[in-house]
Amino acid sequence: MKYYTIIGGINGTGKSSLTGALKAERNDLGKIIDVDKLNARFGGNKILGGKEAVKRIEQCLDMGVSFTQETTLSGKKTAITASRAKKAGYSVRLYYVGLESLEESLSRIANRVRKGGHNIPLEDVARRYARRIDDLLQILPYCDEAWFYDNENGFRLVGEYRNGEILLLGEDTPSWMKELYGHFNQ
Protein backbone atom coordinates (compact mmCIF):
# COMPACT_ATOMS: atom_id res chain seq x y z
CA MET A 1 0.00 0.00 0.00
CA LYS A 2 1.23 3.48 -0.81
CA TYR A 3 0.35 6.34 1.53
CA TYR A 4 -0.02 10.08 1.27
CA THR A 5 0.22 11.21 4.88
CA ILE A 6 -0.77 14.75 5.79
CA ILE A 7 0.39 16.28 9.06
CA GLY A 8 -1.85 19.31 9.42
CA GLY A 9 -2.46 22.17 11.79
CA ILE A 10 -2.03 25.91 11.87
CA ASN A 11 1.35 27.42 12.65
CA GLY A 12 2.72 26.71 16.11
CA THR A 13 0.57 23.67 16.91
CA GLY A 14 3.40 21.13 16.89
CA LYS A 15 3.29 19.54 13.43
CA SER A 16 7.04 18.98 13.31
CA SER A 17 7.04 17.48 16.80
CA LEU A 18 4.24 15.11 15.82
CA THR A 19 6.11 14.17 12.66
CA GLY A 20 9.13 13.28 14.82
CA ALA A 21 6.98 11.13 17.10
CA LEU A 22 5.37 9.36 14.14
CA LYS A 23 8.77 8.72 12.54
CA ALA A 24 9.81 6.91 15.72
CA GLU A 25 6.78 4.58 15.69
CA ARG A 26 5.89 4.12 11.99
CA ASN A 27 7.84 2.83 9.00
CA ASP A 28 5.34 3.76 6.30
CA LEU A 29 5.66 7.55 6.12
CA GLY A 30 7.89 7.42 3.05
CA LYS A 31 9.64 10.60 1.96
CA ILE A 32 8.95 13.41 4.43
CA ILE A 33 8.49 16.80 2.78
CA ASP A 34 8.89 19.64 5.29
CA VAL A 35 8.60 23.03 3.63
CA ASP A 36 10.08 24.79 6.71
CA LYS A 37 13.29 22.79 6.33
CA LEU A 38 13.32 23.45 2.61
CA ASN A 39 12.83 27.19 3.21
CA ALA A 40 15.82 27.12 5.59
CA ARG A 41 17.87 25.24 2.98
CA PHE A 42 17.19 28.10 0.56
CA GLY A 43 18.21 30.78 3.07
CA GLY A 44 14.66 31.50 4.23
CA ASN A 45 13.40 32.01 0.68
CA LYS A 46 9.80 30.75 0.93
CA ILE A 47 9.27 30.89 -2.82
CA LEU A 48 12.21 28.59 -3.56
CA GLY A 49 11.37 26.34 -0.60
CA GLY A 50 7.76 26.07 -1.75
CA LYS A 51 8.75 25.28 -5.32
CA GLU A 52 11.11 22.56 -4.09
CA ALA A 53 8.33 21.06 -1.92
CA VAL A 54 5.96 20.97 -4.92
CA LYS A 55 8.69 19.38 -7.04
CA ARG A 56 9.29 16.66 -4.43
CA ILE A 57 5.57 15.94 -4.10
CA GLU A 58 5.28 15.65 -7.89
CA GLN A 59 8.26 13.25 -7.95
CA CYS A 60 6.68 11.05 -5.28
CA LEU A 61 3.37 10.94 -7.15
CA ASP A 62 5.12 10.20 -10.46
CA MET A 63 7.17 7.38 -8.88
CA GLY A 64 4.21 6.02 -6.89
CA VAL A 65 6.03 6.11 -3.55
CA SER A 66 4.67 6.94 -0.11
CA PHE A 67 5.23 10.46 1.15
CA THR A 68 4.36 12.72 4.06
CA GLN A 69 3.71 16.44 3.98
CA GLU A 70 3.48 18.94 6.84
CA THR A 71 0.97 21.68 6.02
CA THR A 72 -1.31 24.31 7.50
CA LEU A 73 -4.01 23.08 5.08
CA SER A 74 -4.57 26.68 3.96
CA GLY A 75 -5.22 27.13 0.27
CA LYS A 76 -6.30 24.44 -2.16
CA LYS A 77 -2.99 22.74 -2.99
CA THR A 78 -3.26 19.98 -0.35
CA ALA A 79 -6.79 19.04 -1.46
CA ILE A 80 -5.63 18.94 -5.09
CA THR A 81 -2.69 16.72 -4.09
CA ALA A 82 -4.99 14.45 -2.06
CA SER A 83 -7.38 14.13 -5.01
CA ARG A 84 -4.53 13.22 -7.34
CA ALA A 85 -3.14 10.74 -4.82
CA LYS A 86 -6.53 9.03 -4.42
CA LYS A 87 -6.86 8.69 -8.20
CA ALA A 88 -3.34 7.19 -8.29
CA GLY A 89 -4.26 4.50 -5.75
CA TYR A 90 -2.86 6.06 -2.59
CA SER A 91 -4.42 5.70 0.82
CA VAL A 92 -4.73 9.26 2.17
CA ARG A 93 -4.48 9.80 5.89
CA LEU A 94 -4.41 12.89 8.05
CA TYR A 95 -2.90 13.58 11.44
CA TYR A 96 -4.22 16.93 12.61
CA VAL A 97 -2.90 18.93 15.58
CA GLY A 98 -5.09 21.57 17.20
CA LEU A 99 -4.89 24.13 19.98
CA GLU A 100 -7.61 25.93 21.89
CA SER A 101 -6.62 29.48 20.99
CA LEU A 102 -4.88 31.73 18.51
CA GLU A 103 -2.94 33.19 21.45
CA GLU A 104 -1.45 29.78 22.27
CA SER A 105 -0.28 29.37 18.66
CA LEU A 106 1.27 32.85 18.69
CA SER A 107 2.96 32.17 22.03
CA ARG A 108 4.50 28.95 20.69
CA ILE A 109 5.71 30.72 17.55
CA ALA A 110 7.28 33.47 19.67
CA ASN A 111 9.01 30.82 21.79
CA ARG A 112 10.32 29.13 18.64
CA VAL A 113 11.68 32.46 17.37
CA ARG A 114 13.43 33.08 20.73
CA LYS A 115 15.17 29.74 20.21
CA GLY A 116 16.34 30.71 16.71
CA GLY A 117 13.45 29.25 14.72
CA HIS A 118 11.36 30.82 11.99
CA ASN A 119 8.65 33.41 12.49
CA ILE A 120 5.23 33.61 10.84
CA PRO A 121 3.45 36.97 10.44
CA LEU A 122 0.58 37.48 12.89
CA GLU A 123 -1.94 38.15 10.12
CA ASP A 124 -1.10 34.83 8.42
CA VAL A 125 -1.54 32.87 11.66
CA ALA A 126 -4.78 34.70 12.50
CA ARG A 127 -6.20 34.04 9.02
CA ARG A 128 -5.29 30.35 9.21
CA TYR A 129 -6.73 30.06 12.71
CA ALA A 130 -10.03 31.61 11.60
CA ARG A 131 -10.28 29.19 8.63
CA ARG A 132 -8.95 26.03 10.31
CA ILE A 133 -12.32 24.24 10.51
CA ASP A 134 -13.21 25.08 6.90
CA ASP A 135 -9.77 23.91 5.77
CA LEU A 136 -10.23 20.62 7.63
CA LEU A 137 -13.68 20.11 6.11
CA GLN A 138 -12.18 20.69 2.66
CA ILE A 139 -9.57 17.92 3.05
CA LEU A 140 -11.56 15.26 4.96
CA PRO A 141 -13.51 13.95 1.93
CA TYR A 142 -10.19 12.81 0.42
CA CYS A 143 -9.02 11.06 3.58
CA ASP A 144 -9.42 7.36 4.19
CA GLU A 145 -8.78 7.99 7.86
CA ALA A 146 -7.73 10.81 10.16
CA TRP A 147 -6.64 11.32 13.74
CA PHE A 148 -7.11 14.56 15.65
CA TYR A 149 -4.71 15.51 18.43
CA ASP A 150 -5.03 18.29 20.96
CA ASN A 151 -1.60 19.66 21.88
CA GLU A 152 -2.39 21.97 24.79
CA ASN A 153 -0.26 19.83 27.09
CA GLY A 154 1.27 17.05 25.01
CA PHE A 155 -0.37 15.18 22.17
CA ARG A 156 -3.75 13.79 23.20
CA LEU A 157 -5.89 11.88 20.71
CA VAL A 158 -9.35 13.50 20.82
CA GLY A 159 -11.02 12.26 17.65
CA GLU A 160 -10.87 9.98 14.63
CA TYR A 161 -12.34 10.02 11.14
CA ARG A 162 -13.31 6.59 9.84
CA ASN A 163 -15.88 5.31 7.36
CA GLY A 164 -16.98 8.84 6.57
CA GLU A 165 -17.72 9.92 10.11
CA ILE A 166 -15.97 11.72 12.96
CA LEU A 167 -15.81 9.98 16.30
CA LEU A 168 -15.05 11.92 19.48
CA LEU A 169 -12.65 10.19 21.85
CA GLY A 170 -12.21 10.73 25.57
CA GLU A 171 -14.28 12.69 28.03
CA ASP A 172 -12.64 16.12 27.85
CA THR A 173 -13.20 17.15 24.23
CA PRO A 174 -11.52 20.48 23.38
CA SER A 175 -13.72 23.23 21.94
CA TRP A 176 -11.99 23.18 18.52
CA MET A 177 -12.81 19.46 18.18
CA LYS A 178 -16.44 20.06 19.21
CA GLU A 179 -16.59 22.83 16.60
CA LEU A 180 -15.24 20.53 13.87
CA TYR A 181 -17.64 17.78 14.89
CA GLY A 182 -20.61 20.16 14.84
CA HIS A 183 -19.78 21.63 11.42
CA PHE A 184 -19.07 18.19 9.96
CA ASN A 185 -22.45 16.87 11.08
CA GLN A 186 -24.53 19.79 9.80
C-alpha atoms as a PDB file:
ATOM      1  CA  MET A   1       0.000   0.000   0.000  1.00  0.00           C
ATOM      2  CA  LYS A   2       1.233   3.480  -0.808  1.00  0.00           C
ATOM      3  CA  TYR A   3       0.353   6.339   1.526  1.00  0.00           C
ATOM      4  CA  TYR A   4      -0.016  10.080   1.269  1.00  0.00           C
ATOM      5  CA  THR A   5       0.221  11.208   4.881  1.00  0.00           C
ATOM      6  CA  ILE A   6      -0.765  14.751   5.785  1.00  0.00           C
ATOM      7  CA  ILE A   7       0.390  16.285   9.057  1.00  0.00           C
ATOM      8  CA  GLY A   8      -1.848  19.314   9.418  1.00  0.00           C
ATOM      9  CA  GLY A   9      -2.459  22.172  11.792  1.00  0.00           C
ATOM     10  CA  ILE A  10      -2.029  25.906  11.869  1.00  0.00           C
ATOM     11  CA  ASN A  11       1.353  27.422  12.648  1.00  0.00           C
ATOM     12  CA  GLY A  12       2.720  26.709  16.108  1.00  0.00           C
ATOM     13  CA  THR A  13       0.571  23.669  16.912  1.00  0.00           C
ATOM     14  CA  GLY A  14       3.401  21.133  16.891  1.00  0.00           C
ATOM     15  CA  LYS A  15       3.285  19.541  13.434  1.00  0.00           C
ATOM     16  CA  SER A  16       7.044  18.981  13.314  1.00  0.00           C
ATOM     17  CA  SER A  17       7.045  17.478  16.802  1.00  0.00           C
ATOM     18  CA  LEU A  18       4.237  15.114  15.823  1.00  0.00           C
ATOM     19  CA  THR A  19       6.111  14.169  12.663  1.00  0.00           C
ATOM     20  CA  GLY A  20       9.128  13.285  14.822  1.00  0.00           C
ATOM     21  CA  ALA A  21       6.979  11.133  17.103  1.00  0.00           C
ATOM     22  CA  LEU A  22       5.365   9.364  14.142  1.00  0.00           C
ATOM     23  CA  LYS A  23       8.766   8.718  12.541  1.00  0.00           C
ATOM     24  CA  ALA A  24       9.807   6.908  15.723  1.00  0.00           C
ATOM     25  CA  GLU A  25       6.783   4.578  15.689  1.00  0.00           C
ATOM     26  CA  ARG A  26       5.887   4.123  11.987  1.00  0.00           C
ATOM     27  CA  ASN A  27       7.836   2.831   9.004  1.00  0.00           C
ATOM     28  CA  ASP A  28       5.343   3.762   6.295  1.00  0.00           C
ATOM     29  CA  LEU A  29       5.665   7.550   6.118  1.00  0.00           C
ATOM     30  CA  GLY A  30       7.885   7.417   3.046  1.00  0.00           C
ATOM     31  CA  LYS A  31       9.636  10.599   1.964  1.00  0.00           C
ATOM     32  CA  ILE A  32       8.948  13.410   4.429  1.00  0.00           C
ATOM     33  CA  ILE A  33       8.487  16.799   2.775  1.00  0.00           C
ATOM     34  CA  ASP A  34       8.891  19.635   5.295  1.00  0.00           C
ATOM     35  CA  VAL A  35       8.598  23.030   3.629  1.00  0.00           C
ATOM     36  CA  ASP A  36      10.075  24.787   6.709  1.00  0.00           C
ATOM     37  CA  LYS A  37      13.293  22.789   6.333  1.00  0.00           C
ATOM     38  CA  LEU A  38      13.319  23.452   2.609  1.00  0.00           C
ATOM     39  CA  ASN A  39      12.832  27.194   3.214  1.00  0.00           C
ATOM     40  CA  ALA A  40      15.819  27.122   5.585  1.00  0.00           C
ATOM     41  CA  ARG A  41      17.867  25.242   2.976  1.00  0.00           C
ATOM     42  CA  PHE A  42      17.192  28.098   0.561  1.00  0.00           C
ATOM     43  CA  GLY A  43      18.206  30.775   3.072  1.00  0.00           C
ATOM     44  CA  GLY A  44      14.659  31.496   4.225  1.00  0.00           C
ATOM     45  CA  ASN A  45      13.396  32.009   0.678  1.00  0.00           C
ATOM     46  CA  LYS A  46       9.803  30.746   0.928  1.00  0.00           C
ATOM     47  CA  ILE A  47       9.266  30.887  -2.823  1.00  0.00           C
ATOM     48  CA  LEU A  48      12.206  28.594  -3.561  1.00  0.00           C
ATOM     49  CA  GLY A  49      11.375  26.340  -0.604  1.00  0.00           C
ATOM     50  CA  GLY A  50       7.758  26.066  -1.751  1.00  0.00           C
ATOM     51  CA  LYS A  51       8.754  25.276  -5.318  1.00  0.00           C
ATOM     52  CA  GLU A  52      11.112  22.560  -4.090  1.00  0.00           C
ATOM     53  CA  ALA A  53       8.332  21.065  -1.921  1.00  0.00           C
ATOM     54  CA  VAL A  54       5.962  20.970  -4.919  1.00  0.00           C
ATOM     55  CA  LYS A  55       8.693  19.376  -7.039  1.00  0.00           C
ATOM     56  CA  ARG A  56       9.286  16.659  -4.429  1.00  0.00           C
ATOM     57  CA  ILE A  57       5.571  15.945  -4.095  1.00  0.00           C
ATOM     58  CA  GLU A  58       5.278  15.647  -7.888  1.00  0.00           C
ATOM     59  CA  GLN A  59       8.256  13.253  -7.947  1.00  0.00           C
ATOM     60  CA  CYS A  60       6.681  11.046  -5.281  1.00  0.00           C
ATOM     61  CA  LEU A  61       3.366  10.935  -7.148  1.00  0.00           C
ATOM     62  CA  ASP A  62       5.121  10.197 -10.456  1.00  0.00           C
ATOM     63  CA  MET A  63       7.168   7.382  -8.875  1.00  0.00           C
ATOM     64  CA  GLY A  64       4.214   6.020  -6.886  1.00  0.00           C
ATOM     65  CA  VAL A  65       6.028   6.108  -3.552  1.00  0.00           C
ATOM     66  CA  SER A  66       4.670   6.938  -0.109  1.00  0.00           C
ATOM     67  CA  PHE A  67       5.232  10.457   1.154  1.00  0.00           C
ATOM     68  CA  THR A  68       4.362  12.716   4.059  1.00  0.00           C
ATOM     69  CA  GLN A  69       3.707  16.443   3.985  1.00  0.00           C
ATOM     70  CA  GLU A  70       3.477  18.937   6.839  1.00  0.00           C
ATOM     71  CA  THR A  71       0.969  21.677   6.017  1.00  0.00           C
ATOM     72  CA  THR A  72      -1.306  24.315   7.503  1.00  0.00           C
ATOM     73  CA  LEU A  73      -4.005  23.079   5.079  1.00  0.00           C
ATOM     74  CA  SER A  74      -4.574  26.682   3.964  1.00  0.00           C
ATOM     75  CA  GLY A  75      -5.225  27.127   0.273  1.00  0.00           C
ATOM     76  CA  LYS A  76      -6.303  24.443  -2.157  1.00  0.00           C
ATOM     77  CA  LYS A  77      -2.987  22.738  -2.987  1.00  0.00           C
ATOM     78  CA  THR A  78      -3.257  19.977  -0.353  1.00  0.00           C
ATOM     79  CA  ALA A  79      -6.791  19.045  -1.460  1.00  0.00           C
ATOM     80  CA  ILE A  80      -5.627  18.939  -5.086  1.00  0.00           C
ATOM     81  CA  THR A  81      -2.688  16.716  -4.094  1.00  0.00           C
ATOM     82  CA  ALA A  82      -4.989  14.448  -2.063  1.00  0.00           C
ATOM     83  CA  SER A  83      -7.379  14.130  -5.007  1.00  0.00           C
ATOM     84  CA  ARG A  84      -4.525  13.217  -7.341  1.00  0.00           C
ATOM     85  CA  ALA A  85      -3.137  10.737  -4.817  1.00  0.00           C
ATOM     86  CA  LYS A  86      -6.533   9.025  -4.422  1.00  0.00           C
ATOM     87  CA  LYS A  87      -6.856   8.685  -8.202  1.00  0.00           C
ATOM     88  CA  ALA A  88      -3.343   7.193  -8.289  1.00  0.00           C
ATOM     89  CA  GLY A  89      -4.264   4.502  -5.749  1.00  0.00           C
ATOM     90  CA  TYR A  90      -2.857   6.060  -2.589  1.00  0.00           C
ATOM     91  CA  SER A  91      -4.420   5.702   0.817  1.00  0.00           C
ATOM     92  CA  VAL A  92      -4.732   9.263   2.169  1.00  0.00           C
ATOM     93  CA  ARG A  93      -4.478   9.798   5.894  1.00  0.00           C
ATOM     94  CA  LEU A  94      -4.407  12.893   8.050  1.00  0.00           C
ATOM     95  CA  TYR A  95      -2.897  13.576  11.441  1.00  0.00           C
ATOM     96  CA  TYR A  96      -4.221  16.928  12.614  1.00  0.00           C
ATOM     97  CA  VAL A  97      -2.905  18.925  15.576  1.00  0.00           C
ATOM     98  CA  GLY A  98      -5.087  21.571  17.197  1.00  0.00           C
ATOM     99  CA  LEU A  99      -4.888  24.131  19.984  1.00  0.00           C
ATOM    100  CA  GLU A 100      -7.615  25.927  21.889  1.00  0.00           C
ATOM    101  CA  SER A 101      -6.615  29.478  20.988  1.00  0.00           C
ATOM    102  CA  LEU A 102      -4.876  31.734  18.514  1.00  0.00           C
ATOM    103  CA  GLU A 103      -2.940  33.192  21.449  1.00  0.00           C
ATOM    104  CA  GLU A 104      -1.452  29.777  22.266  1.00  0.00           C
ATOM    105  CA  SER A 105      -0.281  29.367  18.661  1.00  0.00           C
ATOM    106  CA  LEU A 106       1.274  32.847  18.688  1.00  0.00           C
ATOM    107  CA  SER A 107       2.958  32.165  22.027  1.00  0.00           C
ATOM    108  CA  ARG A 108       4.502  28.951  20.693  1.00  0.00           C
ATOM    109  CA  ILE A 109       5.714  30.715  17.553  1.00  0.00           C
ATOM    110  CA  ALA A 110       7.284  33.475  19.671  1.00  0.00           C
ATOM    111  CA  ASN A 111       9.010  30.820  21.790  1.00  0.00           C
ATOM    112  CA  ARG A 112      10.322  29.129  18.639  1.00  0.00           C
ATOM    113  CA  VAL A 113      11.682  32.456  17.365  1.00  0.00           C
ATOM    114  CA  ARG A 114      13.433  33.085  20.729  1.00  0.00           C
ATOM    115  CA  LYS A 115      15.170  29.736  20.213  1.00  0.00           C
ATOM    116  CA  GLY A 116      16.335  30.714  16.713  1.00  0.00           C
ATOM    117  CA  GLY A 117      13.447  29.246  14.717  1.00  0.00           C
ATOM    118  CA  HIS A 118      11.364  30.820  11.990  1.00  0.00           C
ATOM    119  CA  ASN A 119       8.648  33.406  12.493  1.00  0.00           C
ATOM    120  CA  ILE A 120       5.228  33.610  10.840  1.00  0.00           C
ATOM    121  CA  PRO A 121       3.453  36.974  10.438  1.00  0.00           C
ATOM    122  CA  LEU A 122       0.578  37.477  12.892  1.00  0.00           C
ATOM    123  CA  GLU A 123      -1.938  38.152  10.124  1.00  0.00           C
ATOM    124  CA  ASP A 124      -1.099  34.829   8.421  1.00  0.00           C
ATOM    125  CA  VAL A 125      -1.535  32.867  11.657  1.00  0.00           C
ATOM    126  CA  ALA A 126      -4.780  34.703  12.501  1.00  0.00           C
ATOM    127  CA  ARG A 127      -6.202  34.042   9.019  1.00  0.00           C
ATOM    128  CA  ARG A 128      -5.292  30.350   9.206  1.00  0.00           C
ATOM    129  CA  TYR A 129      -6.728  30.057  12.709  1.00  0.00           C
ATOM    130  CA  ALA A 130     -10.029  31.614  11.599  1.00  0.00           C
ATOM    131  CA  ARG A 131     -10.277  29.186   8.626  1.00  0.00           C
ATOM    132  CA  ARG A 132      -8.948  26.032  10.312  1.00  0.00           C
ATOM    133  CA  ILE A 133     -12.319  24.238  10.512  1.00  0.00           C
ATOM    134  CA  ASP A 134     -13.213  25.084   6.896  1.00  0.00           C
ATOM    135  CA  ASP A 135      -9.766  23.910   5.771  1.00  0.00           C
ATOM    136  CA  LEU A 136     -10.226  20.620   7.632  1.00  0.00           C
ATOM    137  CA  LEU A 137     -13.677  20.115   6.111  1.00  0.00           C
ATOM    138  CA  GLN A 138     -12.176  20.688   2.660  1.00  0.00           C
ATOM    139  CA  ILE A 139      -9.569  17.925   3.054  1.00  0.00           C
ATOM    140  CA  LEU A 140     -11.559  15.258   4.958  1.00  0.00           C
ATOM    141  CA  PRO A 141     -13.509  13.952   1.927  1.00  0.00           C
ATOM    142  CA  TYR A 142     -10.191  12.812   0.419  1.00  0.00           C
ATOM    143  CA  CYS A 143      -9.017  11.057   3.584  1.00  0.00           C
ATOM    144  CA  ASP A 144      -9.418   7.355   4.186  1.00  0.00           C
ATOM    145  CA  GLU A 145      -8.779   7.991   7.863  1.00  0.00           C
ATOM    146  CA  ALA A 146      -7.727  10.813  10.156  1.00  0.00           C
ATOM    147  CA  TRP A 147      -6.642  11.321  13.737  1.00  0.00           C
ATOM    148  CA  PHE A 148      -7.111  14.558  15.654  1.00  0.00           C
ATOM    149  CA  TYR A 149      -4.705  15.513  18.426  1.00  0.00           C
ATOM    150  CA  ASP A 150      -5.030  18.285  20.961  1.00  0.00           C
ATOM    151  CA  ASN A 151      -1.602  19.656  21.885  1.00  0.00           C
ATOM    152  CA  GLU A 152      -2.394  21.968  24.795  1.00  0.00           C
ATOM    153  CA  ASN A 153      -0.260  19.827  27.086  1.00  0.00           C
ATOM    154  CA  GLY A 154       1.275  17.046  25.013  1.00  0.00           C
ATOM    155  CA  PHE A 155      -0.372  15.181  22.166  1.00  0.00           C
ATOM    156  CA  ARG A 156      -3.751  13.793  23.199  1.00  0.00           C
ATOM    157  CA  LEU A 157      -5.895  11.876  20.711  1.00  0.00           C
ATOM    158  CA  VAL A 158      -9.353  13.501  20.821  1.00  0.00           C
ATOM    159  CA  GLY A 159     -11.015  12.258  17.650  1.00  0.00           C
ATOM    160  CA  GLU A 160     -10.871   9.985  14.629  1.00  0.00           C
ATOM    161  CA  TYR A 161     -12.338  10.022  11.145  1.00  0.00           C
ATOM    162  CA  ARG A 162     -13.308   6.592   9.839  1.00  0.00           C
ATOM    163  CA  ASN A 163     -15.875   5.307   7.363  1.00  0.00           C
ATOM    164  CA  GLY A 164     -16.981   8.842   6.570  1.00  0.00           C
ATOM    165  CA  GLU A 165     -17.718   9.923  10.112  1.00  0.00           C
ATOM    166  CA  ILE A 166     -15.969  11.719  12.958  1.00  0.00           C
ATOM    167  CA  LEU A 167     -15.812   9.982  16.305  1.00  0.00           C
ATOM    168  CA  LEU A 168     -15.055  11.922  19.479  1.00  0.00           C
ATOM    169  CA  LEU A 169     -12.650  10.187  21.851  1.00  0.00           C
ATOM    170  CA  GLY A 170     -12.212  10.732  25.568  1.00  0.00           C
ATOM    171  CA  GLU A 171     -14.282  12.689  28.028  1.00  0.00           C
ATOM    172  CA  ASP A 172     -12.641  16.122  27.854  1.00  0.00           C
ATOM    173  CA  THR A 173     -13.199  17.150  24.231  1.00  0.00           C
ATOM    174  CA  PRO A 174     -11.521  20.482  23.375  1.00  0.00           C
ATOM    175  CA  SER A 175     -13.725  23.225  21.941  1.00  0.00           C
ATOM    176  CA  TRP A 176     -11.991  23.176  18.523  1.00  0.00           C
ATOM    177  CA  MET A 177     -12.810  19.457  18.178  1.00  0.00           C
ATOM    178  CA  LYS A 178     -16.441  20.056  19.207  1.00  0.00           C
ATOM    179  CA  GLU A 179     -16.593  22.831  16.602  1.00  0.00           C
ATOM    180  CA  LEU A 180     -15.240  20.532  13.873  1.00  0.00           C
ATOM    181  CA  TYR A 181     -17.642  17.775  14.893  1.00  0.00           C
ATOM    182  CA  GLY A 182     -20.606  20.156  14.838  1.00  0.00           C
ATOM    183  CA  HIS A 183     -19.776  21.632  11.420  1.00  0.00           C
ATOM    184  CA  PHE A 184     -19.073  18.187   9.955  1.00  0.00           C
ATOM    185  CA  ASN A 185     -22.447  16.866  11.085  1.00  0.00           C
ATOM    186  CA  GLN A 186     -24.528  19.792   9.798  1.00  0.00           C
END
